[in-house]
Amino acid sequence: MIKIDELIKEARLSGNTEDLEVLKLIKTEFQRAQVAESRENPREPLSDKEELQVLQKMKEARRKAIEIYKKSGRSDIAEKEQKEMDYISGFLPKAPDKSEIISGIQEIISTIPEVSMKSMGIIMNQAKAKFPDVSPGDLSSIIKEILIQK
């Protein structure tokens, strides 16, 4: 479990405002997830798995925001989002590199009799199970690249 309060305290004492800002965002998202209606007991702290899910959602949201800001010509905001995403990524387990993901997806595709863009959902579900630490957006773009080549 991430000791978010301790990290916030350290960032405050060191005067690191960028880290402090991101840590406060993380704490807020953890609190939202903790009291979410879908949880059985909102008073219990989040499990490690739940914390990782929250962090992955935060990372994915920033990845999408970066794309939008770059398309809009707002590189200043995109850079800020990139820094936040990099900081959040530091808490996530190291994801496999792209070549490992590509070989894993090709392995999944080899088990499917007729492969087309219509197979995307089947491939995506199996890829999510095989690579739980990789964001769905990254998996989707890699799968599309492979399917386009076929």
N, C-alpha and C. Protein backbone atom coordinates (compact mmCIF):
# COMPACT_ATOMS: atom_id res chain seq x y z
N MET A 1 0.85 -1.19 0.00
CA MET A 1 0.00 0.00 0.00
C MET A 1 0.88 1.24 0.00
N ILE A 2 0.45 2.19 -0.75
CA ILE A 2 1.20 3.43 -0.86
C ILE A 2 0.91 4.28 0.37
N LYS A 3 1.95 4.73 1.01
CA LYS A 3 1.83 5.60 2.19
C LYS A 3 1.72 7.04 1.71
N ILE A 4 0.56 7.37 1.17
CA ILE A 4 0.35 8.65 0.51
C ILE A 4 0.50 9.82 1.47
N ASP A 5 0.02 9.67 2.70
CA ASP A 5 0.12 10.78 3.66
C ASP A 5 1.57 11.08 4.00
N GLU A 6 2.38 10.03 4.13
CA GLU A 6 3.81 10.24 4.41
C GLU A 6 4.50 10.93 3.24
N LEU A 7 4.14 10.52 2.01
CA LEU A 7 4.74 11.14 0.82
C LEU A 7 4.33 12.61 0.70
N ILE A 8 3.09 12.91 1.05
CA ILE A 8 2.63 14.30 1.01
C ILE A 8 3.41 15.12 2.03
N LYS A 9 3.59 14.57 3.21
CA LYS A 9 4.34 15.26 4.26
C LYS A 9 5.78 15.53 3.81
N GLU A 10 6.42 14.52 3.22
CA GLU A 10 7.80 14.69 2.74
C GLU A 10 7.88 15.76 1.65
N ALA A 11 6.93 15.74 0.73
CA ALA A 11 6.93 16.72 -0.36
C ALA A 11 6.71 18.13 0.19
N ARG A 12 5.84 18.23 1.19
CA ARG A 12 5.57 19.53 1.81
C ARG A 12 6.83 20.07 2.49
N LEU A 13 7.50 19.19 3.24
CA LEU A 13 8.71 19.61 3.97
C LEU A 13 9.85 19.96 3.02
N SER A 14 9.94 19.24 1.91
CA SER A 14 11.03 19.51 0.96
C SER A 14 10.71 20.71 0.05
N GLY A 15 9.46 21.15 0.05
CA GLY A 15 9.07 22.29 -0.77
C GLY A 15 8.87 21.93 -2.23
N ASN A 16 8.71 20.64 -2.51
CA ASN A 16 8.52 20.17 -3.88
C ASN A 16 7.04 20.30 -4.25
N THR A 17 6.68 21.44 -4.82
CA THR A 17 5.27 21.72 -5.08
C THR A 17 4.69 20.87 -6.20
N GLU A 18 5.50 20.52 -7.21
CA GLU A 18 4.99 19.69 -8.31
C GLU A 18 4.58 18.31 -7.80
N ASP A 19 5.47 17.68 -7.02
CA ASP A 19 5.16 16.37 -6.46
C ASP A 19 3.98 16.45 -5.51
N LEU A 20 3.96 17.51 -4.69
CA LEU A 20 2.88 17.68 -3.73
C LEU A 20 1.53 17.77 -4.43
N GLU A 21 1.48 18.50 -5.53
CA GLU A 21 0.24 18.65 -6.28
C GLU A 21 -0.26 17.30 -6.80
N VAL A 22 0.65 16.50 -7.37
CA VAL A 22 0.26 15.19 -7.91
C VAL A 22 -0.14 14.25 -6.78
N LEU A 23 0.59 14.29 -5.68
CA LEU A 23 0.25 13.43 -4.54
C LEU A 23 -1.13 13.76 -3.98
N LYS A 24 -1.47 15.03 -3.95
CA LYS A 24 -2.81 15.41 -3.49
C LYS A 24 -3.88 14.89 -4.44
N LEU A 25 -3.59 14.94 -5.75
CA LEU A 25 -4.53 14.39 -6.72
C LEU A 25 -4.72 12.88 -6.51
N ILE A 26 -3.61 12.19 -6.26
CA ILE A 26 -3.67 10.74 -6.03
C ILE A 26 -4.49 10.45 -4.78
N LYS A 27 -4.24 11.21 -3.72
CA LYS A 27 -4.98 11.00 -2.46
C LYS A 27 -6.48 11.21 -2.68
N THR A 28 -6.81 12.25 -3.43
CA THR A 28 -8.22 12.53 -3.72
C THR A 28 -8.87 11.37 -4.47
N GLU A 29 -8.16 10.85 -5.46
CA GLU A 29 -8.70 9.72 -6.23
C GLU A 29 -8.83 8.47 -5.36
N PHE A 30 -7.87 8.26 -4.47
CA PHE A 30 -7.96 7.12 -3.54
C PHE A 30 -9.19 7.27 -2.66
N GLN A 31 -9.44 8.48 -2.15
CA GLN A 31 -10.59 8.71 -1.29
C GLN A 31 -11.90 8.50 -2.06
N ARG A 32 -11.94 8.96 -3.30
CA ARG A 32 -13.14 8.75 -4.13
C ARG A 32 -13.40 7.26 -4.32
N ALA A 33 -12.33 6.53 -4.61
CA ALA A 33 -12.47 5.09 -4.84
C ALA A 33 -12.89 4.39 -3.55
N GLN A 34 -12.40 4.86 -2.43
CA GLN A 34 -12.71 4.23 -1.15
C GLN A 34 -14.18 4.35 -0.80
N VAL A 35 -14.79 5.47 -1.12
CA VAL A 35 -16.20 5.67 -0.77
C VAL A 35 -17.15 5.36 -1.93
N ALA A 36 -16.61 4.81 -3.00
CA ALA A 36 -17.44 4.48 -4.16
C ALA A 36 -18.55 3.52 -3.77
N GLU A 37 -19.67 3.67 -4.40
CA GLU A 37 -20.84 2.85 -4.08
C GLU A 37 -20.60 1.37 -4.36
N SER A 38 -19.71 1.08 -5.26
CA SER A 38 -19.49 -0.31 -5.65
C SER A 38 -18.69 -1.11 -4.62
N ARG A 39 -18.08 -0.44 -3.66
CA ARG A 39 -17.30 -1.16 -2.64
C ARG A 39 -18.22 -1.69 -1.56
N GLU A 40 -17.85 -2.87 -1.04
CA GLU A 40 -18.67 -3.48 0.00
C GLU A 40 -18.59 -2.69 1.31
N ASN A 41 -17.38 -2.31 1.71
CA ASN A 41 -17.21 -1.57 2.95
C ASN A 41 -16.38 -0.32 2.69
N PRO A 42 -17.02 0.84 2.55
CA PRO A 42 -16.30 2.06 2.23
C PRO A 42 -15.35 2.55 3.33
N ARG A 43 -15.46 1.99 4.51
CA ARG A 43 -14.59 2.42 5.61
C ARG A 43 -13.23 1.74 5.58
N GLU A 44 -13.17 0.61 4.91
CA GLU A 44 -11.90 -0.10 4.81
C GLU A 44 -10.97 0.63 3.85
N PRO A 45 -9.67 0.65 4.15
CA PRO A 45 -8.74 1.26 3.18
C PRO A 45 -8.69 0.45 1.90
N LEU A 46 -8.24 1.08 0.83
CA LEU A 46 -8.13 0.38 -0.45
C LEU A 46 -7.07 -0.70 -0.37
N SER A 47 -7.31 -1.78 -1.09
CA SER A 47 -6.30 -2.83 -1.19
C SER A 47 -5.23 -2.39 -2.19
N ASP A 48 -4.13 -3.11 -2.22
CA ASP A 48 -3.07 -2.79 -3.18
C ASP A 48 -3.61 -2.84 -4.61
N LYS A 49 -4.43 -3.85 -4.88
CA LYS A 49 -4.99 -4.01 -6.23
C LYS A 49 -5.88 -2.81 -6.60
N GLU A 50 -6.69 -2.37 -5.65
CA GLU A 50 -7.57 -1.23 -5.90
C GLU A 50 -6.76 0.06 -6.12
N GLU A 51 -5.69 0.22 -5.33
CA GLU A 51 -4.83 1.39 -5.51
C GLU A 51 -4.20 1.38 -6.90
N LEU A 52 -3.73 0.21 -7.33
CA LEU A 52 -3.13 0.11 -8.66
C LEU A 52 -4.14 0.43 -9.75
N GLN A 53 -5.38 -0.02 -9.57
CA GLN A 53 -6.43 0.27 -10.56
C GLN A 53 -6.67 1.78 -10.65
N VAL A 54 -6.69 2.44 -9.50
CA VAL A 54 -6.90 3.89 -9.49
C VAL A 54 -5.75 4.59 -10.20
N LEU A 55 -4.53 4.17 -9.90
CA LEU A 55 -3.35 4.78 -10.53
C LEU A 55 -3.33 4.54 -12.04
N GLN A 56 -3.73 3.33 -12.45
CA GLN A 56 -3.78 3.04 -13.89
C GLN A 56 -4.81 3.92 -14.59
N LYS A 57 -5.96 4.14 -13.94
CA LYS A 57 -6.99 5.01 -14.53
C LYS A 57 -6.47 6.44 -14.63
N MET A 58 -5.76 6.88 -13.60
CA MET A 58 -5.20 8.24 -13.62
C MET A 58 -4.17 8.38 -14.74
N LYS A 59 -3.34 7.36 -14.89
CA LYS A 59 -2.32 7.39 -15.94
C LYS A 59 -2.99 7.43 -17.32
N GLU A 60 -3.99 6.59 -17.51
CA GLU A 60 -4.69 6.53 -18.80
C GLU A 60 -5.38 7.86 -19.10
N ALA A 61 -5.98 8.48 -18.09
CA ALA A 61 -6.64 9.78 -18.29
C ALA A 61 -5.64 10.83 -18.74
N ARG A 62 -4.45 10.80 -18.15
CA ARG A 62 -3.43 11.76 -18.54
C ARG A 62 -2.89 11.48 -19.94
N ARG A 63 -2.77 10.21 -20.28
CA ARG A 63 -2.31 9.87 -21.63
C ARG A 63 -3.27 10.42 -22.67
N LYS A 64 -4.57 10.25 -22.42
CA LYS A 64 -5.58 10.77 -23.35
C LYS A 64 -5.56 12.30 -23.39
N ALA A 65 -5.39 12.92 -22.22
CA ALA A 65 -5.36 14.38 -22.16
C ALA A 65 -4.15 14.93 -22.93
N ILE A 66 -3.02 14.25 -22.82
CA ILE A 66 -1.82 14.68 -23.53
C ILE A 66 -2.08 14.71 -25.03
N GLU A 67 -2.71 13.66 -25.55
CA GLU A 67 -3.02 13.60 -26.98
C GLU A 67 -3.91 14.78 -27.39
N ILE A 68 -4.93 15.04 -26.59
CA ILE A 68 -5.87 16.12 -26.90
C ILE A 68 -5.16 17.47 -26.87
N TYR A 69 -4.35 17.70 -25.83
CA TYR A 69 -3.65 18.98 -25.72
C TYR A 69 -2.65 19.18 -26.85
N LYS A 70 -1.98 18.11 -27.25
CA LYS A 70 -1.03 18.23 -28.36
C LYS A 70 -1.75 18.57 -29.65
N LYS A 71 -2.90 17.92 -29.89
CA LYS A 71 -3.69 18.20 -31.09
C LYS A 71 -4.21 19.63 -31.09
N SER A 72 -4.47 20.15 -29.89
CA SER A 72 -5.00 21.51 -29.76
C SER A 72 -3.90 22.57 -29.77
N GLY A 73 -2.65 22.12 -29.82
CA GLY A 73 -1.53 23.06 -29.82
C GLY A 73 -1.20 23.61 -28.45
N ARG A 74 -1.61 22.93 -27.42
CA ARG A 74 -1.34 23.38 -26.04
C ARG A 74 -0.23 22.52 -25.43
N SER A 75 0.97 22.67 -25.96
CA SER A 75 2.10 21.86 -25.51
C SER A 75 2.47 22.16 -24.06
N ASP A 76 2.18 23.37 -23.57
CA ASP A 76 2.49 23.71 -22.19
C ASP A 76 1.69 22.84 -21.21
N ILE A 77 0.41 22.68 -21.49
CA ILE A 77 -0.43 21.85 -20.63
C ILE A 77 -0.09 20.38 -20.83
N ALA A 78 0.23 20.00 -22.07
CA ALA A 78 0.61 18.61 -22.36
C ALA A 78 1.86 18.22 -21.57
N GLU A 79 2.81 19.15 -21.46
CA GLU A 79 4.04 18.88 -20.69
C GLU A 79 3.71 18.66 -19.21
N LYS A 80 2.80 19.48 -18.68
CA LYS A 80 2.39 19.33 -17.27
C LYS A 80 1.74 17.97 -17.06
N GLU A 81 0.85 17.60 -17.97
CA GLU A 81 0.18 16.30 -17.88
C GLU A 81 1.20 15.17 -18.00
N GLN A 82 2.19 15.34 -18.86
CA GLN A 82 3.23 14.32 -19.04
C GLN A 82 4.01 14.13 -17.74
N LYS A 83 4.35 15.23 -17.07
CA LYS A 83 5.07 15.14 -15.79
C LYS A 83 4.23 14.41 -14.76
N GLU A 84 2.94 14.72 -14.71
CA GLU A 84 2.04 14.04 -13.77
C GLU A 84 1.97 12.55 -14.09
N MET A 85 1.84 12.23 -15.38
CA MET A 85 1.76 10.83 -15.80
C MET A 85 3.04 10.09 -15.43
N ASP A 86 4.19 10.72 -15.64
CA ASP A 86 5.46 10.08 -15.30
C ASP A 86 5.56 9.83 -13.80
N TYR A 87 5.10 10.78 -13.00
CA TYR A 87 5.14 10.62 -11.54
C TYR A 87 4.22 9.49 -11.10
N ILE A 88 3.02 9.46 -11.66
CA ILE A 88 2.06 8.40 -11.33
C ILE A 88 2.61 7.04 -11.77
N SER A 89 3.26 6.99 -12.92
CA SER A 89 3.84 5.74 -13.43
C SER A 89 4.88 5.18 -12.48
N GLY A 90 5.51 6.05 -11.72
CA GLY A 90 6.52 5.60 -10.76
C GLY A 90 5.96 4.69 -9.68
N PHE A 91 4.67 4.77 -9.44
CA PHE A 91 4.02 3.93 -8.43
C PHE A 91 3.53 2.60 -9.01
N LEU A 92 3.46 2.52 -10.33
CA LEU A 92 2.95 1.33 -11.00
C LEU A 92 4.07 0.33 -11.25
N PRO A 93 3.74 -0.96 -11.27
CA PRO A 93 4.76 -1.95 -11.60
C PRO A 93 5.26 -1.72 -13.02
N LYS A 94 6.51 -2.05 -13.25
CA LYS A 94 7.09 -1.84 -14.56
C LYS A 94 6.36 -2.70 -15.58
N ALA A 95 5.85 -2.04 -16.58
CA ALA A 95 5.12 -2.73 -17.64
C ALA A 95 6.12 -3.39 -18.59
N PRO A 96 5.72 -4.47 -19.23
CA PRO A 96 6.60 -5.10 -20.21
C PRO A 96 6.87 -4.13 -21.37
N ASP A 97 8.02 -4.30 -22.01
CA ASP A 97 8.31 -3.39 -23.13
C ASP A 97 7.47 -3.78 -24.35
N LYS A 98 7.48 -2.90 -25.33
CA LYS A 98 6.58 -3.05 -26.48
C LYS A 98 6.83 -4.36 -27.23
N SER A 99 8.09 -4.78 -27.34
CA SER A 99 8.37 -6.02 -28.08
C SER A 99 7.77 -7.24 -27.36
N GLU A 100 7.80 -7.23 -26.02
CA GLU A 100 7.18 -8.33 -25.27
C GLU A 100 5.67 -8.35 -25.49
N ILE A 101 5.08 -7.16 -25.49
CA ILE A 101 3.63 -7.06 -25.69
C ILE A 101 3.26 -7.53 -27.09
N ILE A 102 4.04 -7.10 -28.09
CA ILE A 102 3.76 -7.49 -29.48
C ILE A 102 3.84 -9.01 -29.63
N SER A 103 4.88 -9.62 -29.07
CA SER A 103 4.99 -11.08 -29.19
C SER A 103 3.86 -11.79 -28.46
N GLY A 104 3.44 -11.26 -27.30
CA GLY A 104 2.32 -11.85 -26.57
C GLY A 104 1.01 -11.74 -27.33
N ILE A 105 0.80 -10.61 -27.96
CA ILE A 105 -0.43 -10.41 -28.74
C ILE A 105 -0.41 -11.29 -29.99
N GLN A 106 0.74 -11.42 -30.62
CA GLN A 106 0.84 -12.29 -31.79
C GLN A 106 0.57 -13.75 -31.40
N GLU A 107 0.99 -14.11 -30.20
CA GLU A 107 0.72 -15.45 -29.69
C GLU A 107 -0.79 -15.64 -29.52
N ILE A 108 -1.47 -14.62 -28.98
CA ILE A 108 -2.92 -14.67 -28.81
C ILE A 108 -3.60 -14.78 -30.18
N ILE A 109 -3.15 -13.98 -31.14
CA ILE A 109 -3.74 -13.98 -32.48
C ILE A 109 -3.58 -15.34 -33.14
N SER A 110 -2.46 -16.01 -32.88
CA SER A 110 -2.24 -17.32 -33.51
C SER A 110 -3.24 -18.37 -33.05
N THR A 111 -3.90 -18.14 -31.93
CA THR A 111 -4.90 -19.10 -31.42
C THR A 111 -6.28 -18.85 -32.00
N ILE A 112 -6.46 -17.73 -32.69
CA ILE A 112 -7.76 -17.36 -33.25
C ILE A 112 -7.81 -17.81 -34.71
N PRO A 113 -8.85 -18.59 -35.09
CA PRO A 113 -8.91 -19.14 -36.44
C PRO A 113 -8.96 -18.08 -37.55
N GLU A 114 -9.91 -17.17 -37.47
CA GLU A 114 -10.03 -16.13 -38.50
C GLU A 114 -9.82 -14.78 -37.84
N VAL A 115 -8.73 -14.13 -38.21
CA VAL A 115 -8.39 -12.85 -37.60
C VAL A 115 -8.77 -11.70 -38.52
N SER A 116 -9.51 -10.75 -37.94
CA SER A 116 -9.87 -9.52 -38.65
C SER A 116 -10.07 -8.44 -37.58
N MET A 117 -10.41 -7.26 -38.02
CA MET A 117 -10.67 -6.18 -37.05
C MET A 117 -11.86 -6.53 -36.15
N LYS A 118 -12.72 -7.42 -36.63
CA LYS A 118 -13.85 -7.86 -35.81
C LYS A 118 -13.39 -8.68 -34.62
N SER A 119 -12.17 -9.23 -34.69
CA SER A 119 -11.61 -10.04 -33.60
C SER A 119 -11.02 -9.18 -32.50
N MET A 120 -11.05 -7.88 -32.67
CA MET A 120 -10.41 -6.94 -31.74
C MET A 120 -10.85 -7.18 -30.30
N GLY A 121 -12.14 -7.34 -30.06
CA GLY A 121 -12.65 -7.53 -28.70
C GLY A 121 -12.11 -8.78 -28.04
N ILE A 122 -12.07 -9.87 -28.78
CA ILE A 122 -11.56 -11.14 -28.25
C ILE A 122 -10.08 -11.00 -27.91
N ILE A 123 -9.34 -10.42 -28.84
CA ILE A 123 -7.90 -10.25 -28.63
C ILE A 123 -7.65 -9.31 -27.45
N MET A 124 -8.43 -8.25 -27.38
CA MET A 124 -8.26 -7.25 -26.31
C MET A 124 -8.51 -7.88 -24.94
N ASN A 125 -9.57 -8.67 -24.80
CA ASN A 125 -9.86 -9.31 -23.52
C ASN A 125 -8.74 -10.24 -23.09
N GLN A 126 -8.22 -11.02 -24.02
CA GLN A 126 -7.13 -11.93 -23.69
C GLN A 126 -5.85 -11.16 -23.39
N ALA A 127 -5.62 -10.07 -24.11
CA ALA A 127 -4.42 -9.26 -23.88
C ALA A 127 -4.48 -8.57 -22.52
N LYS A 128 -5.67 -8.10 -22.13
CA LYS A 128 -5.82 -7.47 -20.80
C LYS A 128 -5.50 -8.47 -19.69
N ALA A 129 -5.94 -9.72 -19.89
CA ALA A 129 -5.66 -10.76 -18.89
C ALA A 129 -4.16 -11.09 -18.85
N LYS A 130 -3.54 -11.09 -20.00
CA LYS A 130 -2.12 -11.45 -20.08
C LYS A 130 -1.21 -10.31 -19.62
N PHE A 131 -1.63 -9.07 -19.88
CA PHE A 131 -0.84 -7.89 -19.51
C PHE A 131 -1.66 -6.93 -18.66
N PRO A 132 -1.95 -7.29 -17.42
CA PRO A 132 -2.81 -6.43 -16.60
C PRO A 132 -2.18 -5.08 -16.24
N ASP A 133 -0.85 -4.99 -16.32
CA ASP A 133 -0.17 -3.75 -15.95
C ASP A 133 -0.03 -2.77 -17.11
N VAL A 134 -0.52 -3.16 -18.29
CA VAL A 134 -0.43 -2.30 -19.46
C VAL A 134 -1.79 -1.63 -19.65
N SER A 135 -1.77 -0.34 -19.92
CA SER A 135 -3.03 0.39 -20.06
C SER A 135 -3.81 -0.13 -21.27
N PRO A 136 -5.13 -0.16 -21.16
CA PRO A 136 -5.95 -0.62 -22.28
C PRO A 136 -5.72 0.18 -23.56
N GLY A 137 -5.46 1.46 -23.43
CA GLY A 137 -5.19 2.29 -24.60
C GLY A 137 -3.94 1.85 -25.34
N ASP A 138 -2.88 1.53 -24.58
CA ASP A 138 -1.64 1.06 -25.19
C ASP A 138 -1.86 -0.29 -25.88
N LEU A 139 -2.58 -1.19 -25.18
CA LEU A 139 -2.87 -2.50 -25.78
C LEU A 139 -3.66 -2.34 -27.07
N SER A 140 -4.66 -1.50 -27.03
CA SER A 140 -5.52 -1.30 -28.19
C SER A 140 -4.73 -0.80 -29.39
N SER A 141 -3.85 0.17 -29.17
CA SER A 141 -3.09 0.71 -30.30
C SER A 141 -2.12 -0.33 -30.86
N ILE A 142 -1.53 -1.15 -30.02
CA ILE A 142 -0.61 -2.20 -30.49
C ILE A 142 -1.39 -3.26 -31.28
N ILE A 143 -2.56 -3.66 -30.77
CA ILE A 143 -3.37 -4.65 -31.46
C ILE A 143 -3.79 -4.12 -32.83
N LYS A 144 -4.21 -2.86 -32.89
CA LYS A 144 -4.61 -2.26 -34.18
C LYS A 144 -3.45 -2.27 -35.17
N GLU A 145 -2.26 -1.91 -34.69
CA GLU A 145 -1.08 -1.93 -35.56
C GLU A 145 -0.86 -3.32 -36.16
N ILE A 146 -0.97 -4.34 -35.32
CA ILE A 146 -0.74 -5.71 -35.76
C ILE A 146 -1.84 -6.14 -36.74
N LEU A 147 -3.09 -5.83 -36.42
CA LEU A 147 -4.21 -6.24 -37.28
C LEU A 147 -4.17 -5.54 -38.62
N ILE A 148 -3.73 -4.31 -38.66
CA ILE A 148 -3.63 -3.58 -39.93
C ILE A 148 -2.59 -4.22 -40.83
N GLN A 149 -1.52 -4.72 -40.24
CA GLN A 149 -0.44 -5.36 -41.00
C GLN A 149 -0.86 -6.71 -41.58
N LYS A 150 -1.87 -7.34 -41.00
CA LYS A 150 -2.29 -8.67 -41.45
C LYS A 150 -3.22 -8.60 -42.62
